[in-house]
């Protein structure tokens, strides 16, 4: 089986967020999530059938909180409180888990290995070293700023394993 892994385009990411959140979302090129931001980010680890890391996606706390609140039809204040306390509240975390699970659809392509969401690491939880290395690596990656209308924005970084 040949490796046909490709990064999803920013339009596909925007469409996924808009479809899930039921509101306008703006996506633009952004800076990668930097090492000091990793401990407060929500990180999704995607694996193939052999449990090998295929991709790692991180959402800055502000994006995770805003997207989680929008998905749960909660007021923007719920996201703001979560951001102020530097933690992702459980109700928002549950919604972000679902968003990460659906994001898998952007990674599964015909002719490539079937991928699944393996684990979601929330702010202030320890990220496995191998996943951290993939997330921070240069190479096949997508770095965006995602803004959820009437909520707020934040960084999203997706990096494919070498």
N, C-alpha and C. Protein backbone atom coordinates (compact mmCIF):
# COMPACT_ATOMS: atom_id res chain seq x y z
N UNK A 1 0.85 -1.17 0.00
CA UNK A 1 0.00 0.00 0.00
C UNK A 1 0.90 1.23 0.00
N UNK A 2 0.67 2.12 -0.94
CA UNK A 2 1.50 3.31 -1.00
C UNK A 2 1.04 4.33 0.02
N UNK A 3 1.95 5.20 0.40
CA UNK A 3 1.61 6.23 1.37
C UNK A 3 0.99 7.40 0.63
N UNK A 4 -0.30 7.58 0.79
CA UNK A 4 -0.99 8.70 0.14
C UNK A 4 -1.41 9.72 1.18
N UNK A 5 -0.70 9.75 2.30
CA UNK A 5 -1.06 10.68 3.37
C UNK A 5 -0.89 12.11 2.90
N UNK A 6 -1.91 12.88 3.09
CA UNK A 6 -1.86 14.29 2.75
C UNK A 6 -2.52 15.08 3.88
N UNK A 7 -2.04 16.27 4.04
CA UNK A 7 -2.65 17.14 5.02
C UNK A 7 -3.98 17.65 4.49
N UNK A 8 -4.97 17.78 5.33
CA UNK A 8 -6.22 18.38 4.87
C UNK A 8 -5.98 19.86 4.55
N UNK A 9 -6.73 20.38 3.63
CA UNK A 9 -6.61 21.80 3.30
C UNK A 9 -7.34 22.65 4.33
N UNK A 10 -7.00 23.92 4.36
CA UNK A 10 -7.64 24.82 5.32
C UNK A 10 -9.15 24.93 5.06
N UNK A 11 -9.59 24.81 3.80
CA UNK A 11 -11.02 24.85 3.49
C UNK A 11 -11.73 23.65 4.12
N UNK A 12 -11.12 22.47 4.05
CA UNK A 12 -11.72 21.28 4.66
C UNK A 12 -11.83 21.43 6.17
N UNK A 13 -10.80 22.02 6.79
CA UNK A 13 -10.83 22.24 8.24
C UNK A 13 -11.94 23.23 8.58
N UNK A 14 -12.03 24.31 7.81
CA UNK A 14 -13.08 25.31 8.06
C UNK A 14 -14.47 24.67 7.92
N UNK A 15 -14.66 23.91 6.85
CA UNK A 15 -15.96 23.28 6.63
C UNK A 15 -16.33 22.32 7.75
N UNK A 16 -15.36 21.56 8.25
CA UNK A 16 -15.63 20.64 9.35
C UNK A 16 -16.06 21.41 10.59
N UNK A 17 -15.33 22.47 10.93
CA UNK A 17 -15.69 23.27 12.10
C UNK A 17 -17.07 23.90 11.92
N UNK A 18 -17.33 24.47 10.75
CA UNK A 18 -18.63 25.11 10.51
C UNK A 18 -19.77 24.10 10.60
N UNK A 19 -19.58 22.93 10.00
CA UNK A 19 -20.62 21.90 10.03
C UNK A 19 -20.90 21.44 11.46
N UNK A 20 -19.85 21.24 12.24
CA UNK A 20 -20.02 20.76 13.62
C UNK A 20 -20.59 21.84 14.54
N UNK A 21 -20.09 23.06 14.39
CA UNK A 21 -20.46 24.11 15.32
C UNK A 21 -21.72 24.87 14.91
N UNK A 22 -22.12 24.72 13.65
CA UNK A 22 -23.33 25.38 13.18
C UNK A 22 -23.22 26.89 13.17
N UNK A 23 -22.02 27.38 12.92
CA UNK A 23 -21.81 28.83 12.86
C UNK A 23 -20.62 29.12 11.96
N UNK A 24 -20.50 30.39 11.58
CA UNK A 24 -19.40 30.79 10.70
C UNK A 24 -18.06 30.64 11.42
N UNK A 25 -17.09 30.12 10.67
CA UNK A 25 -15.74 29.93 11.18
C UNK A 25 -14.78 30.50 10.13
N UNK A 26 -13.80 31.25 10.59
CA UNK A 26 -12.78 31.80 9.70
C UNK A 26 -11.47 31.07 9.98
N UNK A 27 -10.82 30.63 8.92
CA UNK A 27 -9.55 29.91 9.05
C UNK A 27 -8.51 30.64 8.22
N UNK A 28 -7.35 30.87 8.80
CA UNK A 28 -6.27 31.53 8.08
C UNK A 28 -4.94 30.90 8.48
N UNK A 29 -3.91 31.07 7.65
CA UNK A 29 -2.59 30.55 8.04
C UNK A 29 -2.18 31.14 9.38
N UNK A 30 -1.53 30.33 10.18
CA UNK A 30 -1.14 30.78 11.51
C UNK A 30 0.22 30.28 11.91
N UNK A 31 0.63 30.68 13.09
CA UNK A 31 1.89 30.22 13.65
C UNK A 31 1.70 28.86 14.30
N UNK A 32 2.73 28.03 14.27
CA UNK A 32 2.62 26.74 14.94
C UNK A 32 2.51 26.90 16.45
N UNK A 33 1.89 25.92 17.08
CA UNK A 33 1.88 25.89 18.54
C UNK A 33 3.32 25.63 18.98
N UNK A 34 3.83 26.50 19.83
CA UNK A 34 5.22 26.42 20.27
C UNK A 34 5.33 25.55 21.52
N UNK A 35 6.52 25.09 21.79
CA UNK A 35 6.76 24.20 22.94
C UNK A 35 6.19 24.75 24.25
N UNK A 36 6.34 26.05 24.57
CA UNK A 36 5.78 26.54 25.83
C UNK A 36 4.24 26.50 25.88
N UNK A 37 3.59 26.42 24.72
CA UNK A 37 2.13 26.39 24.67
C UNK A 37 1.56 24.98 24.79
N UNK A 38 2.39 23.97 24.62
CA UNK A 38 1.92 22.58 24.62
C UNK A 38 1.24 22.19 25.93
N UNK A 39 1.77 22.53 27.10
CA UNK A 39 1.13 22.09 28.35
C UNK A 39 -0.30 22.60 28.54
N UNK A 40 -0.67 23.72 27.93
CA UNK A 40 -2.02 24.24 28.09
C UNK A 40 -2.90 23.96 26.87
N UNK A 41 -2.38 23.19 25.92
CA UNK A 41 -3.14 22.85 24.72
C UNK A 41 -3.86 21.52 24.89
N UNK A 42 -4.87 21.33 24.05
CA UNK A 42 -5.54 20.04 23.94
C UNK A 42 -4.93 19.33 22.75
N UNK A 43 -4.43 18.12 22.95
CA UNK A 43 -3.69 17.41 21.90
C UNK A 43 -4.38 16.08 21.59
N UNK A 44 -4.65 15.87 20.30
CA UNK A 44 -5.25 14.62 19.84
C UNK A 44 -4.19 13.80 19.13
N UNK A 45 -4.14 12.51 19.47
CA UNK A 45 -3.17 11.60 18.87
C UNK A 45 -3.95 10.61 17.99
N UNK A 46 -3.57 10.56 16.71
CA UNK A 46 -4.22 9.67 15.75
C UNK A 46 -3.26 8.56 15.38
N UNK A 47 -3.76 7.33 15.35
CA UNK A 47 -2.91 6.16 15.09
C UNK A 47 -3.49 5.32 13.95
N UNK A 48 -2.61 4.48 13.38
CA UNK A 48 -3.05 3.53 12.37
C UNK A 48 -3.44 2.22 13.05
N UNK A 49 -3.76 1.20 12.26
CA UNK A 49 -4.22 -0.08 12.82
C UNK A 49 -3.17 -0.75 13.70
N UNK A 50 -1.89 -0.46 13.46
CA UNK A 50 -0.82 -1.03 14.27
C UNK A 50 -0.49 -0.20 15.50
N UNK A 51 -1.34 0.78 15.83
CA UNK A 51 -1.17 1.67 16.98
C UNK A 51 0.06 2.57 16.85
N UNK A 52 0.54 2.77 15.63
CA UNK A 52 1.67 3.67 15.39
C UNK A 52 1.11 5.07 15.19
N UNK A 53 1.76 6.05 15.83
CA UNK A 53 1.30 7.44 15.68
C UNK A 53 1.40 7.85 14.22
N UNK A 54 0.30 8.36 13.70
CA UNK A 54 0.22 8.81 12.32
C UNK A 54 0.21 10.34 12.25
N UNK A 55 -0.51 10.96 13.19
CA UNK A 55 -0.62 12.42 13.20
C UNK A 55 -0.93 12.88 14.62
N UNK A 56 -0.55 14.12 14.89
CA UNK A 56 -0.85 14.74 16.18
C UNK A 56 -1.40 16.13 15.90
N UNK A 57 -2.53 16.44 16.53
CA UNK A 57 -3.15 17.75 16.36
C UNK A 57 -3.25 18.42 17.73
N UNK A 58 -2.94 19.70 17.77
CA UNK A 58 -3.07 20.46 19.01
C UNK A 58 -3.93 21.68 18.77
N UNK A 59 -4.75 21.99 19.77
CA UNK A 59 -5.55 23.20 19.76
C UNK A 59 -5.17 24.00 21.00
N UNK A 60 -4.83 25.24 20.77
CA UNK A 60 -4.55 26.16 21.86
C UNK A 60 -5.76 26.20 22.79
N UNK A 61 -5.56 26.45 24.06
CA UNK A 61 -6.64 26.46 25.03
C UNK A 61 -7.80 27.35 24.57
N UNK A 62 -7.49 28.52 24.03
CA UNK A 62 -8.56 29.44 23.62
C UNK A 62 -9.43 28.82 22.52
N UNK A 63 -8.82 28.13 21.56
CA UNK A 63 -9.61 27.50 20.50
C UNK A 63 -10.41 26.32 21.05
N UNK A 64 -9.79 25.49 21.87
CA UNK A 64 -10.49 24.35 22.44
C UNK A 64 -11.70 24.80 23.26
N UNK A 65 -11.52 25.81 24.09
CA UNK A 65 -12.61 26.29 24.93
C UNK A 65 -13.72 26.91 24.09
N UNK A 66 -13.36 27.73 23.11
CA UNK A 66 -14.37 28.37 22.27
C UNK A 66 -15.12 27.36 21.41
N UNK A 67 -14.40 26.42 20.81
CA UNK A 67 -15.05 25.41 19.99
C UNK A 67 -15.93 24.50 20.86
N UNK A 68 -15.44 24.14 22.05
CA UNK A 68 -16.21 23.29 22.96
C UNK A 68 -17.49 23.97 23.41
N UNK A 69 -17.41 25.26 23.69
CA UNK A 69 -18.60 26.01 24.10
C UNK A 69 -19.58 26.14 22.94
N UNK A 70 -19.08 26.45 21.75
CA UNK A 70 -19.95 26.59 20.58
C UNK A 70 -20.64 25.27 20.25
N UNK A 71 -19.90 24.17 20.33
CA UNK A 71 -20.48 22.86 20.03
C UNK A 71 -21.57 22.50 21.04
N UNK A 72 -21.38 22.87 22.28
CA UNK A 72 -22.35 22.59 23.33
C UNK A 72 -23.45 23.63 23.44
N UNK A 73 -23.46 24.61 22.52
CA UNK A 73 -24.45 25.69 22.53
C UNK A 73 -24.44 26.45 23.86
N UNK A 74 -23.24 26.59 24.41
CA UNK A 74 -23.05 27.33 25.65
C UNK A 74 -22.69 28.77 25.34
N UNK A 75 -22.93 29.69 26.25
CA UNK A 75 -22.55 31.09 26.00
C UNK A 75 -21.03 31.24 25.93
N UNK A 76 -20.59 32.29 25.24
CA UNK A 76 -19.16 32.55 25.11
C UNK A 76 -18.50 32.71 26.48
N UNK A 77 -19.25 33.15 27.47
CA UNK A 77 -18.71 33.31 28.82
C UNK A 77 -18.17 32.01 29.40
N UNK A 78 -18.76 30.89 29.02
CA UNK A 78 -18.27 29.58 29.50
C UNK A 78 -16.85 29.35 29.01
N UNK A 79 -16.59 29.71 27.75
CA UNK A 79 -15.24 29.57 27.20
C UNK A 79 -14.29 30.55 27.88
N UNK A 80 -14.75 31.79 28.07
CA UNK A 80 -13.92 32.80 28.71
C UNK A 80 -13.51 32.39 30.12
N UNK A 81 -14.45 31.82 30.87
CA UNK A 81 -14.13 31.36 32.23
C UNK A 81 -13.08 30.26 32.20
N UNK A 82 -13.22 29.34 31.25
CA UNK A 82 -12.28 28.24 31.11
C UNK A 82 -10.88 28.76 30.78
N UNK A 83 -10.82 29.73 29.88
CA UNK A 83 -9.54 30.32 29.48
C UNK A 83 -8.92 31.07 30.66
N UNK A 84 -9.74 31.84 31.39
CA UNK A 84 -9.24 32.60 32.55
C UNK A 84 -8.64 31.68 33.61
N UNK A 85 -9.26 30.50 33.79
CA UNK A 85 -8.77 29.55 34.81
C UNK A 85 -7.68 28.62 34.28
N UNK A 86 -7.31 28.81 33.00
CA UNK A 86 -6.24 28.03 32.36
C UNK A 86 -6.48 26.53 32.44
N UNK A 87 -7.73 26.15 32.26
CA UNK A 87 -8.08 24.72 32.20
C UNK A 87 -9.29 24.54 31.30
N UNK A 88 -9.43 23.37 30.76
CA UNK A 88 -10.58 23.07 29.92
C UNK A 88 -11.61 22.34 30.79
N UNK A 89 -12.73 23.02 31.06
CA UNK A 89 -13.75 22.44 31.93
C UNK A 89 -14.26 21.12 31.34
N UNK A 90 -14.68 20.18 32.19
CA UNK A 90 -15.11 18.85 31.71
C UNK A 90 -16.18 18.88 30.63
N UNK A 91 -17.17 19.76 30.74
CA UNK A 91 -18.21 19.79 29.72
C UNK A 91 -17.66 20.26 28.37
N UNK A 92 -16.70 21.17 28.40
CA UNK A 92 -16.06 21.62 27.16
C UNK A 92 -15.13 20.53 26.62
N UNK A 93 -14.43 19.85 27.52
CA UNK A 93 -13.51 18.78 27.11
C UNK A 93 -14.26 17.66 26.39
N UNK A 94 -15.44 17.33 26.88
CA UNK A 94 -16.24 16.29 26.24
C UNK A 94 -16.59 16.68 24.80
N UNK A 95 -16.95 17.94 24.61
CA UNK A 95 -17.27 18.42 23.26
C UNK A 95 -16.04 18.44 22.36
N UNK A 96 -14.90 18.83 22.90
CA UNK A 96 -13.67 18.87 22.13
C UNK A 96 -13.25 17.45 21.73
N UNK A 97 -13.47 16.48 22.61
CA UNK A 97 -13.17 15.08 22.27
C UNK A 97 -13.96 14.69 21.02
N UNK A 98 -15.24 15.05 20.98
CA UNK A 98 -16.08 14.72 19.81
C UNK A 98 -15.56 15.42 18.56
N UNK A 99 -15.15 16.67 18.70
CA UNK A 99 -14.60 17.39 17.55
C UNK A 99 -13.35 16.67 17.04
N UNK A 100 -12.47 16.25 17.94
CA UNK A 100 -11.25 15.53 17.54
C UNK A 100 -11.59 14.21 16.86
N UNK A 101 -12.59 13.53 17.37
CA UNK A 101 -13.00 12.26 16.78
C UNK A 101 -13.49 12.46 15.36
N UNK A 102 -14.30 13.48 15.13
CA UNK A 102 -14.81 13.77 13.79
C UNK A 102 -13.67 14.25 12.88
N UNK A 103 -12.68 14.91 13.44
CA UNK A 103 -11.53 15.39 12.66
C UNK A 103 -10.82 14.23 11.97
N UNK A 104 -10.92 13.04 12.53
CA UNK A 104 -10.30 11.86 11.93
C UNK A 104 -10.74 11.69 10.48
N UNK A 105 -11.98 12.10 10.17
CA UNK A 105 -12.48 11.96 8.80
C UNK A 105 -11.65 12.74 7.79
N UNK A 106 -11.00 13.80 8.22
CA UNK A 106 -10.14 14.57 7.31
C UNK A 106 -8.81 13.87 7.05
N UNK A 107 -8.45 12.92 7.88
CA UNK A 107 -7.18 12.20 7.74
C UNK A 107 -7.33 10.88 6.99
N UNK A 108 -8.53 10.32 7.00
CA UNK A 108 -8.76 9.04 6.33
C UNK A 108 -9.01 9.27 4.85
N UNK A 109 -8.11 8.76 4.02
CA UNK A 109 -8.20 8.89 2.57
C UNK A 109 -8.18 7.50 1.95
N UNK A 110 -8.84 7.38 0.82
CA UNK A 110 -8.84 6.11 0.10
C UNK A 110 -7.41 5.75 -0.29
N UNK A 111 -7.04 4.49 -0.02
CA UNK A 111 -5.71 4.02 -0.35
C UNK A 111 -4.68 4.22 0.75
N UNK A 112 -5.07 4.87 1.83
CA UNK A 112 -4.13 5.07 2.93
C UNK A 112 -4.60 4.23 4.12
N UNK A 113 -3.76 4.05 5.11
CA UNK A 113 -4.15 3.26 6.28
C UNK A 113 -5.37 3.88 6.97
N UNK A 114 -6.21 3.03 7.54
CA UNK A 114 -7.36 3.54 8.30
C UNK A 114 -6.86 4.07 9.63
N UNK A 115 -7.23 5.29 9.93
CA UNK A 115 -6.77 5.94 11.15
C UNK A 115 -7.91 6.09 12.14
N UNK A 116 -7.53 6.18 13.42
CA UNK A 116 -8.53 6.42 14.45
C UNK A 116 -7.93 7.32 15.52
N UNK A 117 -8.83 7.95 16.26
CA UNK A 117 -8.40 8.77 17.38
C UNK A 117 -7.98 7.84 18.51
N UNK A 118 -6.74 7.96 18.94
CA UNK A 118 -6.21 7.08 19.98
C UNK A 118 -6.41 7.68 21.37
N UNK A 119 -6.12 8.98 21.48
CA UNK A 119 -6.13 9.59 22.81
C UNK A 119 -6.22 11.10 22.66
N UNK A 120 -6.88 11.74 23.62
CA UNK A 120 -6.88 13.20 23.70
C UNK A 120 -6.27 13.57 25.05
N UNK A 121 -5.26 14.42 24.99
CA UNK A 121 -4.57 14.90 26.18
C UNK A 121 -5.05 16.33 26.42
N UNK A 122 -5.54 16.59 27.61
CA UNK A 122 -6.10 17.90 27.94
C UNK A 122 -5.05 18.76 28.65
N UNK A 123 -5.31 20.07 28.75
CA UNK A 123 -4.34 20.95 29.42
C UNK A 123 -3.93 20.42 30.80
N UNK A 124 -2.66 20.55 31.06
CA UNK A 124 -2.05 20.16 32.33
C UNK A 124 -1.97 18.65 32.55
N UNK A 125 -2.21 17.87 31.48
CA UNK A 125 -1.95 16.43 31.53
C UNK A 125 -0.65 16.19 30.77
N UNK A 126 0.04 15.13 31.13
CA UNK A 126 1.33 14.86 30.49
C UNK A 126 1.15 14.28 29.10
N UNK A 127 1.83 14.89 28.14
CA UNK A 127 1.82 14.43 26.75
C UNK A 127 2.97 13.45 26.55
N UNK A 128 2.70 12.26 26.00
CA UNK A 128 3.80 11.31 25.74
C UNK A 128 4.88 11.96 24.86
N UNK A 129 6.13 11.64 25.15
CA UNK A 129 7.26 12.24 24.45
C UNK A 129 7.23 12.03 22.94
N UNK A 130 6.81 10.83 22.49
CA UNK A 130 6.79 10.59 21.05
C UNK A 130 5.74 11.45 20.35
N UNK A 131 4.61 11.67 20.99
CA UNK A 131 3.57 12.52 20.42
C UNK A 131 4.03 13.98 20.42
N UNK A 132 4.70 14.39 21.47
CA UNK A 132 5.22 15.77 21.54
C UNK A 132 6.23 16.00 20.41
N UNK A 133 7.09 15.02 20.16
CA UNK A 133 8.10 15.16 19.10
C UNK A 133 7.43 15.31 17.73
N UNK A 134 6.39 14.53 17.47
CA UNK A 134 5.68 14.64 16.19
C UNK A 134 5.02 16.01 16.08
N UNK A 135 4.38 16.45 17.15
CA UNK A 135 3.67 17.73 17.13
C UNK A 135 4.61 18.90 16.83
N UNK A 136 5.79 18.88 17.41
CA UNK A 136 6.71 20.01 17.27
C UNK A 136 7.66 19.89 16.07
N UNK A 137 7.60 18.76 15.35
CA UNK A 137 8.52 18.54 14.23
C UNK A 137 8.22 19.44 13.05
N UNK A 138 9.26 19.77 12.33
CA UNK A 138 9.09 20.47 11.07
C UNK A 138 8.74 19.43 10.00
N UNK A 139 8.18 19.86 8.91
CA UNK A 139 7.87 18.92 7.84
C UNK A 139 6.42 19.01 7.43
N UNK A 140 5.77 17.85 7.37
CA UNK A 140 4.39 17.79 6.88
C UNK A 140 3.45 18.26 7.99
N UNK A 141 3.08 19.53 7.93
CA UNK A 141 2.25 20.08 8.99
C UNK A 141 1.34 21.18 8.44
N UNK A 142 0.31 21.47 9.20
CA UNK A 142 -0.66 22.51 8.89
C UNK A 142 -0.83 23.34 10.15
N UNK A 143 -0.59 24.64 10.03
CA UNK A 143 -0.72 25.55 11.18
C UNK A 143 -1.71 26.65 10.81
N UNK A 144 -2.79 26.73 11.58
CA UNK A 144 -3.88 27.64 11.28
C UNK A 144 -4.28 28.47 12.49
N UNK A 145 -4.91 29.60 12.21
CA UNK A 145 -5.65 30.34 13.22
C UNK A 145 -7.11 30.12 12.88
N UNK A 146 -7.87 29.63 13.84
CA UNK A 146 -9.28 29.32 13.63
C UNK A 146 -10.09 30.25 14.53
N UNK A 147 -11.03 30.98 13.93
CA UNK A 147 -11.88 31.90 14.68
C UNK A 147 -13.33 31.45 14.58
N UNK A 148 -13.93 31.20 15.72
CA UNK A 148 -15.33 30.79 15.81
C UNK A 148 -16.16 32.05 16.03
N UNK A 149 -17.03 32.36 15.09
CA UNK A 149 -17.84 33.57 15.14
C UNK A 149 -18.58 33.70 16.48
N UNK A 150 -18.48 34.89 17.08
CA UNK A 150 -19.10 35.26 18.34
C UNK A 150 -18.51 34.53 19.55
N UNK A 151 -17.42 33.82 19.36
CA UNK A 151 -16.75 33.15 20.49
C UNK A 151 -15.32 33.65 20.61
N UNK A 152 -14.46 33.27 19.70
CA UNK A 152 -13.06 33.67 19.77
C UNK A 152 -12.21 32.80 18.88
N UNK A 153 -10.90 33.00 18.96
CA UNK A 153 -10.00 32.28 18.06
C UNK A 153 -8.83 31.68 18.82
N UNK A 154 -8.09 30.85 18.08
CA UNK A 154 -6.89 30.24 18.64
C UNK A 154 -6.17 29.45 17.57
N UNK A 155 -5.03 28.93 17.96
CA UNK A 155 -4.18 28.18 17.03
C UNK A 155 -4.60 26.71 16.95
N UNK A 156 -4.43 26.16 15.75
CA UNK A 156 -4.57 24.73 15.52
C UNK A 156 -3.34 24.29 14.75
N UNK A 157 -2.65 23.28 15.24
CA UNK A 157 -1.49 22.72 14.55
C UNK A 157 -1.71 21.22 14.36
N UNK A 158 -1.47 20.76 13.13
CA UNK A 158 -1.57 19.35 12.80
C UNK A 158 -0.25 18.95 12.16
N UNK A 159 0.34 17.89 12.68
CA UNK A 159 1.63 17.43 12.14
C UNK A 159 1.55 15.94 11.88
N UNK A 160 1.95 15.54 10.67
CA UNK A 160 1.98 14.11 10.33
C UNK A 160 3.30 13.52 10.76
N UNK A 161 3.27 12.30 11.24
CA UNK A 161 4.50 11.63 11.67
C UNK A 161 5.38 11.36 10.45
N UNK A 162 6.69 11.42 10.65
CA UNK A 162 7.61 11.18 9.51
C UNK A 162 7.53 9.74 9.02
